[in-house]
PDB file of N, CA and C in Angstrom:
ATOM      1  N   MET A   1      23.990   0.090 -22.021  1.00  0.00           N
ATOM      2  CA  MET A   1      22.822  -0.318 -22.748  1.00  0.00           C
ATOM      3  C   MET A   1      21.635  -0.357 -21.786  1.00  0.00           C
ATOM      4  N   ALA A   2      20.551   0.219 -22.200  1.00  0.00           N
ATOM      5  CA  ALA A   2      19.362   0.272 -21.352  1.00  0.00           C
ATOM      6  C   ALA A   2      18.641  -1.076 -21.373  1.00  0.00           C
ATOM      7  N   ARG A   3      18.211  -1.505 -20.223  1.00  0.00           N
ATOM      8  CA  ARG A   3      17.444  -2.742 -20.127  1.00  0.00           C
ATOM      9  C   ARG A   3      15.960  -2.407 -20.240  1.00  0.00           C
ATOM     10  N   ARG A   4      15.246  -3.237 -20.920  1.00  0.00           N
ATOM     11  CA  ARG A   4      13.803  -3.044 -21.046  1.00  0.00           C
ATOM     12  C   ARG A   4      13.104  -3.789 -19.924  1.00  0.00           C
ATOM     13  N   ARG A   5      12.226  -3.098 -19.257  1.00  0.00           N
ATOM     14  CA  ARG A   5      11.419  -3.720 -18.209  1.00  0.00           C
ATOM     15  C   ARG A   5       9.959  -3.571 -18.603  1.00  0.00           C
ATOM     16  N   GLY A   6       9.183  -4.533 -18.230  1.00  0.00           N
ATOM     17  CA  GLY A   6       7.781  -4.524 -18.618  1.00  0.00           C
ATOM     18  C   GLY A   6       6.914  -3.727 -17.664  1.00  0.00           C
ATOM     19  N   LEU A   7       5.711  -3.478 -18.105  1.00  0.00           N
ATOM     20  CA  LEU A   7       4.731  -2.767 -17.298  1.00  0.00           C
ATOM     21  C   LEU A   7       4.343  -3.587 -16.067  1.00  0.00           C
ATOM     22  N   GLY A   8       4.315  -4.899 -16.206  1.00  0.00           N
ATOM     23  CA  GLY A   8       3.984  -5.768 -15.072  1.00  0.00           C
ATOM     24  C   GLY A   8       4.986  -5.630 -13.948  1.00  0.00           C
ATOM     25  N   LEU A   9       6.284  -5.560 -14.301  1.00  0.00           N
ATOM     26  CA  LEU A   9       7.314  -5.395 -13.277  1.00  0.00           C
ATOM     27  C   LEU A   9       7.194  -4.035 -12.597  1.00  0.00           C
ATOM     28  N   LEU A  10       6.833  -3.003 -13.345  1.00  0.00           N
ATOM     29  CA  LEU A  10       6.616  -1.682 -12.762  1.00  0.00           C
ATOM     30  C   LEU A  10       5.450  -1.707 -11.778  1.00  0.00           C
ATOM     31  N   LEU A  11       4.355  -2.358 -12.137  1.00  0.00           N
ATOM     32  CA  LEU A  11       3.204  -2.439 -11.236  1.00  0.00           C
ATOM     33  C   LEU A  11       3.540  -3.234  -9.976  1.00  0.00           C
ATOM     34  N   ILE A  12       4.327  -4.283 -10.118  1.00  0.00           N
ATOM     35  CA  ILE A  12       4.749  -5.057  -8.945  1.00  0.00           C
ATOM     36  C   ILE A  12       5.635  -4.205  -8.046  1.00  0.00           C
ATOM     37  N   ALA A  13       6.551  -3.423  -8.636  1.00  0.00           N
ATOM     38  CA  ALA A  13       7.421  -2.547  -7.846  1.00  0.00           C
ATOM     39  C   ALA A  13       6.598  -1.498  -7.094  1.00  0.00           C
ATOM     40  N   ILE A  14       5.598  -0.916  -7.742  1.00  0.00           N
ATOM     41  CA  ILE A  14       4.743   0.068  -7.088  1.00  0.00           C
ATOM     42  C   ILE A  14       3.948  -0.582  -5.958  1.00  0.00           C
ATOM     43  N   LEU A  15       3.419  -1.761  -6.203  1.00  0.00           N
ATOM     44  CA  LEU A  15       2.648  -2.474  -5.186  1.00  0.00           C
ATOM     45  C   LEU A  15       3.505  -2.835  -3.974  1.00  0.00           C
ATOM     46  N   VAL A  16       4.711  -3.339  -4.215  1.00  0.00           N
ATOM     47  CA  VAL A  16       5.605  -3.691  -3.105  1.00  0.00           C
ATOM     48  C   VAL A  16       6.013  -2.437  -2.345  1.00  0.00           C
ATOM     49  N   GLY A  17       6.297  -1.352  -3.048  1.00  0.00           N
ATOM     50  CA  GLY A  17       6.644  -0.102  -2.379  1.00  0.00           C
ATOM     51  C   GLY A  17       5.503   0.434  -1.528  1.00  0.00           C
ATOM     52  N   ALA A  18       4.287   0.348  -2.044  1.00  0.00           N
ATOM     53  CA  ALA A  18       3.123   0.821  -1.288  1.00  0.00           C
ATOM     54  C   ALA A  18       2.881  -0.045  -0.055  1.00  0.00           C
ATOM     55  N   MET A  19       3.014  -1.360  -0.214  1.00  0.00           N
ATOM     56  CA  MET A  19       2.795  -2.255   0.931  1.00  0.00           C
ATOM     57  C   MET A  19       3.869  -2.074   1.991  1.00  0.00           C
ATOM     58  N   THR A  20       5.114  -1.947   1.575  1.00  0.00           N
ATOM     59  CA  THR A  20       6.205  -1.748   2.522  1.00  0.00           C
ATOM     60  C   THR A  20       6.063  -0.410   3.242  1.00  0.00           C
ATOM     61  N   GLY A  21       5.773   0.639   2.495  1.00  0.00           N
ATOM     62  CA  GLY A  21       5.592   1.956   3.109  1.00  0.00           C
ATOM     63  C   GLY A  21       4.391   2.001   4.031  1.00  0.00           C
ATOM     64  N   SER A  22       3.315   1.363   3.652  1.00  0.00           N
ATOM     65  CA  SER A  22       2.128   1.342   4.495  1.00  0.00           C
ATOM     66  C   SER A  22       2.383   0.585   5.795  1.00  0.00           C
ATOM     67  N   ALA A  23       3.075  -0.530   5.696  1.00  0.00           N
ATOM     68  CA  ALA A  23       3.405  -1.296   6.902  1.00  0.00           C
ATOM     69  C   ALA A  23       4.339  -0.490   7.807  1.00  0.00           C
ATOM     70  N   ALA A  24       5.319   0.192   7.214  1.00  0.00           N
ATOM     71  CA  ALA A  24       6.233   1.011   8.015  1.00  0.00           C
ATOM     72  C   ALA A  24       5.481   2.171   8.666  1.00  0.00           C
ATOM     73  N   GLY A  25       4.562   2.792   7.960  1.00  0.00           N
ATOM     74  CA  GLY A  25       3.764   3.879   8.531  1.00  0.00           C
ATOM     75  C   GLY A  25       2.901   3.410   9.687  1.00  0.00           C
ATOM     76  N   GLU A  26       2.320   2.229   9.546  1.00  0.00           N
ATOM     77  CA  GLU A  26       1.504   1.673  10.635  1.00  0.00           C
ATOM     78  C   GLU A  26       2.363   1.401  11.873  1.00  0.00           C
ATOM     79  N   VAL A  27       3.542   0.824  11.668  1.00  0.00           N
ATOM     80  CA  VAL A  27       4.428   0.528  12.805  1.00  0.00           C
ATOM     81  C   VAL A  27       4.875   1.811  13.479  1.00  0.00           C
ATOM     82  N   ILE A  28       5.275   2.801  12.694  1.00  0.00           N
ATOM     83  CA  ILE A  28       5.701   4.085  13.276  1.00  0.00           C
ATOM     84  C   ILE A  28       4.541   4.743  14.021  1.00  0.00           C
ATOM     85  N   GLY A  29       3.348   4.709  13.432  1.00  0.00           N
ATOM     86  CA  GLY A  29       2.175   5.291  14.081  1.00  0.00           C
ATOM     87  C   GLY A  29       1.825   4.585  15.381  1.00  0.00           C
ATOM     88  N   LEU A  30       1.928   3.260  15.395  1.00  0.00           N
ATOM     89  CA  LEU A  30       1.639   2.515  16.626  1.00  0.00           C
ATOM     90  C   LEU A  30       2.683   2.779  17.702  1.00  0.00           C
ATOM     91  N   LEU A  31       3.946   2.921  17.293  1.00  0.00           N
ATOM     92  CA  LEU A  31       4.986   3.256  18.281  1.00  0.00           C
ATOM     93  C   LEU A  31       4.736   4.630  18.891  1.00  0.00           C
ATOM     94  N   PHE A  32       4.433   5.611  18.049  1.00  0.00           N
ATOM     95  CA  PHE A  32       4.133   6.938  18.584  1.00  0.00           C
ATOM     96  C   PHE A  32       2.840   6.923  19.389  1.00  0.00           C
ATOM     97  N   GLY A  33       1.884   6.092  18.995  1.00  0.00           N
ATOM     98  CA  GLY A  33       0.645   5.961  19.752  1.00  0.00           C
ATOM     99  C   GLY A  33       0.866   5.348  21.115  1.00  0.00           C
ATOM    100  N   HIS A  34       1.859   4.473  21.221  1.00  0.00           N
ATOM    101  CA  HIS A  34       2.162   3.858  22.509  1.00  0.00           C
ATOM    102  C   HIS A  34       2.843   4.850  23.445  1.00  0.00           C
ATOM    103  N   PHE A  35       3.794   5.614  22.908  1.00  0.00           N
ATOM    104  CA  PHE A  35       4.557   6.542  23.745  1.00  0.00           C
ATOM    105  C   PHE A  35       3.899   7.913  23.868  1.00  0.00           C
ATOM    106  N   LEU A  36       3.195   8.358  22.839  1.00  0.00           N
ATOM    107  CA  LEU A  36       2.517   9.661  22.858  1.00  0.00           C
ATOM    108  C   LEU A  36       1.077   9.479  22.395  1.00  0.00           C
ATOM    109  N   PRO A  37       0.220   8.915  23.230  1.00  0.00           N
ATOM    110  CA  PRO A  37      -1.154   8.643  22.767  1.00  0.00           C
ATOM    111  C   PRO A  37      -1.910   9.934  22.447  1.00  0.00           C
ATOM    112  N   GLY A  38      -2.610   9.901  21.330  1.00  0.00           N
ATOM    113  CA  GLY A  38      -3.415  11.045  20.920  1.00  0.00           C
ATOM    114  C   GLY A  38      -2.621  12.195  20.340  1.00  0.00           C
ATOM    115  N   SER A  39      -1.344  11.986  20.033  1.00  0.00           N
ATOM    116  CA  SER A  39      -0.513  13.077  19.521  1.00  0.00           C
ATOM    117  C   SER A  39      -0.778  13.305  18.035  1.00  0.00           C
ATOM    118  N   MET A  40      -0.351  14.445  17.562  1.00  0.00           N
ATOM    119  CA  MET A  40      -0.512  14.791  16.163  1.00  0.00           C
ATOM    120  C   MET A  40       0.362  13.903  15.279  1.00  0.00           C
ATOM    121  N   VAL A  41       1.517  13.493  15.783  1.00  0.00           N
ATOM    122  CA  VAL A  41       2.401  12.613  15.019  1.00  0.00           C
ATOM    123  C   VAL A  41       1.732  11.265  14.798  1.00  0.00           C
ATOM    124  N   GLU A  42       1.065  10.739  15.810  1.00  0.00           N
ATOM    125  CA  GLU A  42       0.350   9.469  15.672  1.00  0.00           C
ATOM    126  C   GLU A  42      -0.741   9.596  14.611  1.00  0.00           C
ATOM    127  N   LYS A  43      -1.496  10.681  14.654  1.00  0.00           N
ATOM    128  CA  LYS A  43      -2.564  10.885  13.676  1.00  0.00           C
ATOM    129  C   LYS A  43      -2.007  11.037  12.265  1.00  0.00           C
ATOM    130  N   PHE A  44      -0.846  11.692  12.156  1.00  0.00           N
ATOM    131  CA  PHE A  44      -0.216  11.882  10.851  1.00  0.00           C
ATOM    132  C   PHE A  44       0.133  10.543  10.208  1.00  0.00           C
ATOM    133  N   PHE A  45       0.708   9.639  10.990  1.00  0.00           N
ATOM    134  CA  PHE A  45       1.133   8.361  10.432  1.00  0.00           C
ATOM    135  C   PHE A  45      -0.019   7.378  10.257  1.00  0.00           C
ATOM    136  N   LEU A  46      -1.051   7.467  11.077  1.00  0.00           N
ATOM    137  CA  LEU A  46      -2.138   6.496  11.007  1.00  0.00           C
ATOM    138  C   LEU A  46      -3.309   6.934  10.129  1.00  0.00           C
ATOM    139  N   THR A  47      -3.361   8.212   9.754  1.00  0.00           N
ATOM    140  CA  THR A  47      -4.437   8.684   8.892  1.00  0.00           C
ATOM    141  C   THR A  47      -4.163   8.225   7.460  1.00  0.00           C
ATOM    142  N   ALA A  48      -5.165   7.627   6.851  1.00  0.00           N
ATOM    143  CA  ALA A  48      -4.992   7.102   5.497  1.00  0.00           C
ATOM    144  C   ALA A  48      -6.254   7.360   4.685  1.00  0.00           C
ATOM    145  N   ALA A  49      -6.054   7.483   3.397  1.00  0.00           N
ATOM    146  CA  ALA A  49      -7.176   7.580   2.475  1.00  0.00           C
ATOM    147  C   ALA A  49      -7.564   6.154   2.083  1.00  0.00           C
ATOM    148  N   GLU A  50      -8.837   5.846   2.190  1.00  0.00           N
ATOM    149  CA  GLU A  50      -9.303   4.491   1.896  1.00  0.00           C
ATOM    150  C   GLU A  50     -10.322   4.508   0.765  1.00  0.00           C
ATOM    151  N   TYR A  51     -10.219   3.528  -0.094  1.00  0.00           N
ATOM    152  CA  TYR A  51     -11.237   3.301  -1.107  1.00  0.00           C
ATOM    153  C   TYR A  51     -11.545   1.812  -1.113  1.00  0.00           C
ATOM    154  N   THR A  52     -12.789   1.479  -0.913  1.00  0.00           N
ATOM    155  CA  THR A  52     -13.218   0.084  -0.898  1.00  0.00           C
ATOM    156  C   THR A  52     -13.889  -0.252  -2.220  1.00  0.00           C
ATOM    157  N   PHE A  53     -13.336  -1.218  -2.892  1.00  0.00           N
ATOM    158  CA  PHE A  53     -13.951  -1.704  -4.119  1.00  0.00           C
ATOM    159  C   PHE A  53     -15.086  -2.639  -3.723  1.00  0.00           C
ATOM    160  N   PRO A  54     -16.238  -2.464  -4.300  1.00  0.00           N
ATOM    161  CA  PRO A  54     -17.380  -3.303  -3.897  1.00  0.00           C
ATOM    162  C   PRO A  54     -17.121  -4.763  -4.249  1.00  0.00           C
ATOM    163  N   PRO A  55     -17.654  -5.657  -3.436  1.00  0.00           N
ATOM    164  CA  PRO A  55     -17.431  -7.074  -3.715  1.00  0.00           C
ATOM    165  C   PRO A  55     -18.138  -7.517  -5.006  1.00  0.00           C
ATOM    166  N   ALA A  56     -17.466  -8.362  -5.720  1.00  0.00           N
ATOM    167  CA  ALA A  56     -18.032  -8.939  -6.938  1.00  0.00           C
ATOM    168  C   ALA A  56     -18.167 -10.437  -6.731  1.00  0.00           C
ATOM    169  N   THR A  57     -19.326 -10.970  -7.036  1.00  0.00           N
ATOM    170  CA  THR A  57     -19.589 -12.390  -6.822  1.00  0.00           C
ATOM    171  C   THR A  57     -19.635 -13.119  -8.152  1.00  0.00           C
ATOM    172  N   LEU A  58     -18.943 -14.236  -8.198  1.00  0.00           N
ATOM    173  CA  LEU A  58     -18.935 -15.092  -9.372  1.00  0.00           C
ATOM    174  C   LEU A  58     -19.693 -16.370  -9.019  1.00  0.00           C
ATOM    175  N   PRO A  59     -20.962 -16.455  -9.401  1.00  0.00           N
ATOM    176  CA  PRO A  59     -21.730 -17.659  -9.057  1.00  0.00           C
ATOM    177  C   PRO A  59     -21.377 -18.814  -9.993  1.00  0.00           C
ATOM    178  N   LEU A  60     -20.976 -19.909  -9.406  1.00  0.00           N
ATOM    179  CA  LEU A  60     -20.678 -21.116 -10.157  1.00  0.00           C
ATOM    180  C   LEU A  60     -21.725 -22.177  -9.815  1.00  0.00           C
ATOM    181  N   VAL A  61     -21.666 -23.306 -10.441  1.00  0.00           N
ATOM    182  CA  VAL A  61     -22.692 -24.328 -10.256  1.00  0.00           C
ATOM    183  C   VAL A  61     -22.682 -24.871  -8.830  1.00  0.00           C
ATOM    184  N   ILE A  62     -21.516 -25.203  -8.301  1.00  0.00           N
ATOM    185  CA  ILE A  62     -21.426 -25.832  -6.980  1.00  0.00           C
ATOM    186  C   ILE A  62     -21.214 -24.800  -5.869  1.00  0.00           C
ATOM    187  N   PHE A  63     -20.469 -23.757  -6.150  1.00  0.00           N
ATOM    188  CA  PHE A  63     -20.173 -22.742  -5.140  1.00  0.00           C
ATOM    189  C   PHE A  63     -20.047 -21.382  -5.820  1.00  0.00           C
ATOM    190  N   SER A  64     -19.895 -20.345  -5.027  1.00  0.00           N
ATOM    191  CA  SER A  64     -19.695 -19.008  -5.585  1.00  0.00           C
ATOM    192  C   SER A  64     -18.457 -18.382  -4.953  1.00  0.00           C
ATOM    193  N   LEU A  65     -17.766 -17.560  -5.710  1.00  0.00           N
ATOM    194  CA  LEU A  65     -16.583 -16.852  -5.251  1.00  0.00           C
ATOM    195  C   LEU A  65     -16.902 -15.366  -5.136  1.00  0.00           C
ATOM    196  N   THR A  66     -16.436 -14.753  -4.065  1.00  0.00           N
ATOM    197  CA  THR A  66     -16.623 -13.318  -3.873  1.00  0.00           C
ATOM    198  C   THR A  66     -15.259 -12.660  -3.767  1.00  0.00           C
ATOM    199  N   PHE A  67     -15.038 -11.644  -4.594  1.00  0.00           N
ATOM    200  CA  PHE A  67     -13.790 -10.914  -4.610  1.00  0.00           C
ATOM    201  C   PHE A  67     -14.057  -9.472  -4.205  1.00  0.00           C
ATOM    202  N   GLY A  68     -13.115  -8.885  -3.487  1.00  0.00           N
ATOM    203  CA  GLY A  68     -13.195  -7.481  -3.106  1.00  0.00           C
ATOM    204  C   GLY A  68     -11.966  -7.099  -2.314  1.00  0.00           C
ATOM    205  N   PHE A  69     -11.614  -5.830  -2.321  1.00  0.00           N
ATOM    206  CA  PHE A  69     -10.482  -5.383  -1.525  1.00  0.00           C
ATOM    207  C   PHE A  69     -10.608  -3.903  -1.226  1.00  0.00           C
ATOM    208  N   THR A  70      -9.800  -3.467  -0.270  1.00  0.00           N
ATOM    209  CA  THR A  70      -9.760  -2.068   0.134  1.00  0.00           C
ATOM    210  C   THR A  70      -8.378  -1.515  -0.141  1.00  0.00           C
ATOM    211  N   LEU A  71      -8.308  -0.361  -0.765  1.00  0.00           N
ATOM    212  CA  LEU A  71      -7.055   0.327  -1.041  1.00  0.00           C
ATOM    213  C   LEU A  71      -6.872   1.384   0.040  1.00  0.00           C
ATOM    214  N   LYS A  72      -5.779   1.291   0.801  1.00  0.00           N
ATOM    215  CA  LYS A  72      -5.521   2.201   1.913  1.00  0.00           C
ATOM    216  C   LYS A  72      -4.124   2.788   1.729  1.00  0.00           C
ATOM    217  N   ILE A  73      -4.057   4.106   1.537  1.00  0.00           N
ATOM    218  CA  ILE A  73      -2.778   4.769   1.267  1.00  0.00           C
ATOM    219  C   ILE A  73      -2.559   5.855   2.312  1.00  0.00           C
ATOM    220  N   ASN A  74      -1.378   5.809   2.967  1.00  0.00           N
ATOM    221  CA  ASN A  74      -1.000   6.869   3.893  1.00  0.00           C
ATOM    222  C   ASN A  74       0.242   7.578   3.345  1.00  0.00           C
ATOM    223  N   ILE A  75       0.735   8.553   4.081  1.00  0.00           N
ATOM    224  CA  ILE A  75       1.863   9.360   3.620  1.00  0.00           C
ATOM    225  C   ILE A  75       3.106   8.504   3.405  1.00  0.00           C
ATOM    226  N   ILE A  76       3.389   7.601   4.319  1.00  0.00           N
ATOM    227  CA  ILE A  76       4.599   6.796   4.213  1.00  0.00           C
ATOM    228  C   ILE A  76       4.487   5.796   3.057  1.00  0.00           C
ATOM    229  N   SER A  77       3.287   5.359   2.715  1.00  0.00           N
ATOM    230  CA  SER A  77       3.159   4.471   1.551  1.00  0.00           C
ATOM    231  C   SER A  77       3.496   5.229   0.265  1.00  0.00           C
ATOM    232  N   LEU A  78       3.208   6.522   0.216  1.00  0.00           N
ATOM    233  CA  LEU A  78       3.622   7.321  -0.939  1.00  0.00           C
ATOM    234  C   LEU A  78       5.141   7.428  -1.015  1.00  0.00           C
ATOM    235  N   VAL A  79       5.783   7.548   0.149  1.00  0.00           N
ATOM    236  CA  VAL A  79       7.244   7.547   0.183  1.00  0.00           C
ATOM    237  C   VAL A  79       7.767   6.190  -0.296  1.00  0.00           C
ATOM    238  N   GLY A  80       7.137   5.113   0.127  1.00  0.00           N
ATOM    239  CA  GLY A  80       7.535   3.779  -0.318  1.00  0.00           C
ATOM    240  C   GLY A  80       7.385   3.610  -1.820  1.00  0.00           C
ATOM    241  N   ILE A  81       6.318   4.166  -2.397  1.00  0.00           N
ATOM    242  CA  ILE A  81       6.132   4.116  -3.850  1.00  0.00           C
ATOM    243  C   ILE A  81       7.247   4.903  -4.542  1.00  0.00           C
ATOM    244  N   GLY A  82       7.591   6.055  -3.988  1.00  0.00           N
ATOM    245  CA  GLY A  82       8.675   6.852  -4.556  1.00  0.00           C
ATOM    246  C   GLY A  82      10.010   6.131  -4.529  1.00  0.00           C
ATOM    247  N   VAL A  83      10.311   5.474  -3.427  1.00  0.00           N
ATOM    248  CA  VAL A  83      11.560   4.709  -3.316  1.00  0.00           C
ATOM    249  C   VAL A  83      11.550   3.547  -4.304  1.00  0.00           C
ATOM    250  N   ALA A  84      10.418   2.871  -4.425  1.00  0.00           N
ATOM    251  CA  ALA A  84      10.321   1.754  -5.371  1.00  0.00           C
ATOM    252  C   ALA A  84      10.504   2.238  -6.810  1.00  0.00           C
ATOM    253  N   LEU A  85       9.922   3.370  -7.148  1.00  0.00           N
ATOM    254  CA  LEU A  85      10.101   3.914  -8.493  1.00  0.00           C
ATOM    255  C   LEU A  85      11.546   4.333  -8.742  1.00  0.00           C
ATOM    256  N   TYR A  86      12.204   4.867  -7.716  1.00  0.00           N
ATOM    257  CA  TYR A  86      13.608   5.237  -7.851  1.00  0.00           C
ATOM    258  C   TYR A  86      14.452   4.003  -8.142  1.00  0.00           C
ATOM    259  N   TYR A  87      14.263   2.947  -7.372  1.00  0.00           N
ATOM    260  CA  TYR A  87      15.021   1.720  -7.596  1.00  0.00           C
ATOM    261  C   TYR A  87      14.663   1.093  -8.936  1.00  0.00           C
ATOM    262  N   PHE A  88      13.417   1.167  -9.330  1.00  0.00           N
ATOM    263  CA  PHE A  88      13.003   0.630 -10.629  1.00  0.00           C
ATOM    264  C   PHE A  88      13.680   1.390 -11.762  1.00  0.00           C
ATOM    265  N   ARG A  89      13.812   2.676 -11.586  1.00  0.00           N
ATOM    266  CA  ARG A  89      14.395   3.509 -12.639  1.00  0.00           C
ATOM    267  C   ARG A  89      15.896   3.302 -12.770  1.00  0.00           C
ATOM    268  N   TRP A  90      16.602   3.209 -11.653  1.00  0.00           N
ATOM    269  CA  TRP A  90      18.059   3.210 -11.707  1.00  0.00           C
ATOM    270  C   TRP A  90      18.698   1.841 -11.554  1.00  0.00           C
ATOM    271  N   TYR A  91      17.974   0.819 -11.118  1.00  0.00           N
ATOM    272  CA  TYR A  91      18.612  -0.483 -10.924  1.00  0.00           C
ATOM    273  C   TYR A  91      17.928  -1.563 -11.708  1.00  0.00           C
TER     274      TYR A  91
END
């Protein structure tokens, strides 16, 4: 019998996969940067596409809140998303 999973759980799985893959890519890139500085392998793992969402300010009576974040995706984070989707699909 197939289990129903919600869209929220899918988004959480994608987010966790992207964060795990991105962290692993950064660690691998830093290790290669330490042992082979300036190498193509280091650039491959550390190069990422970035998109910065502009900050949004919510002015309140006593204080104001500012929200904003940057989305940074590298090759290994895409692999992490793929692994997360695989586990989401089959488990």
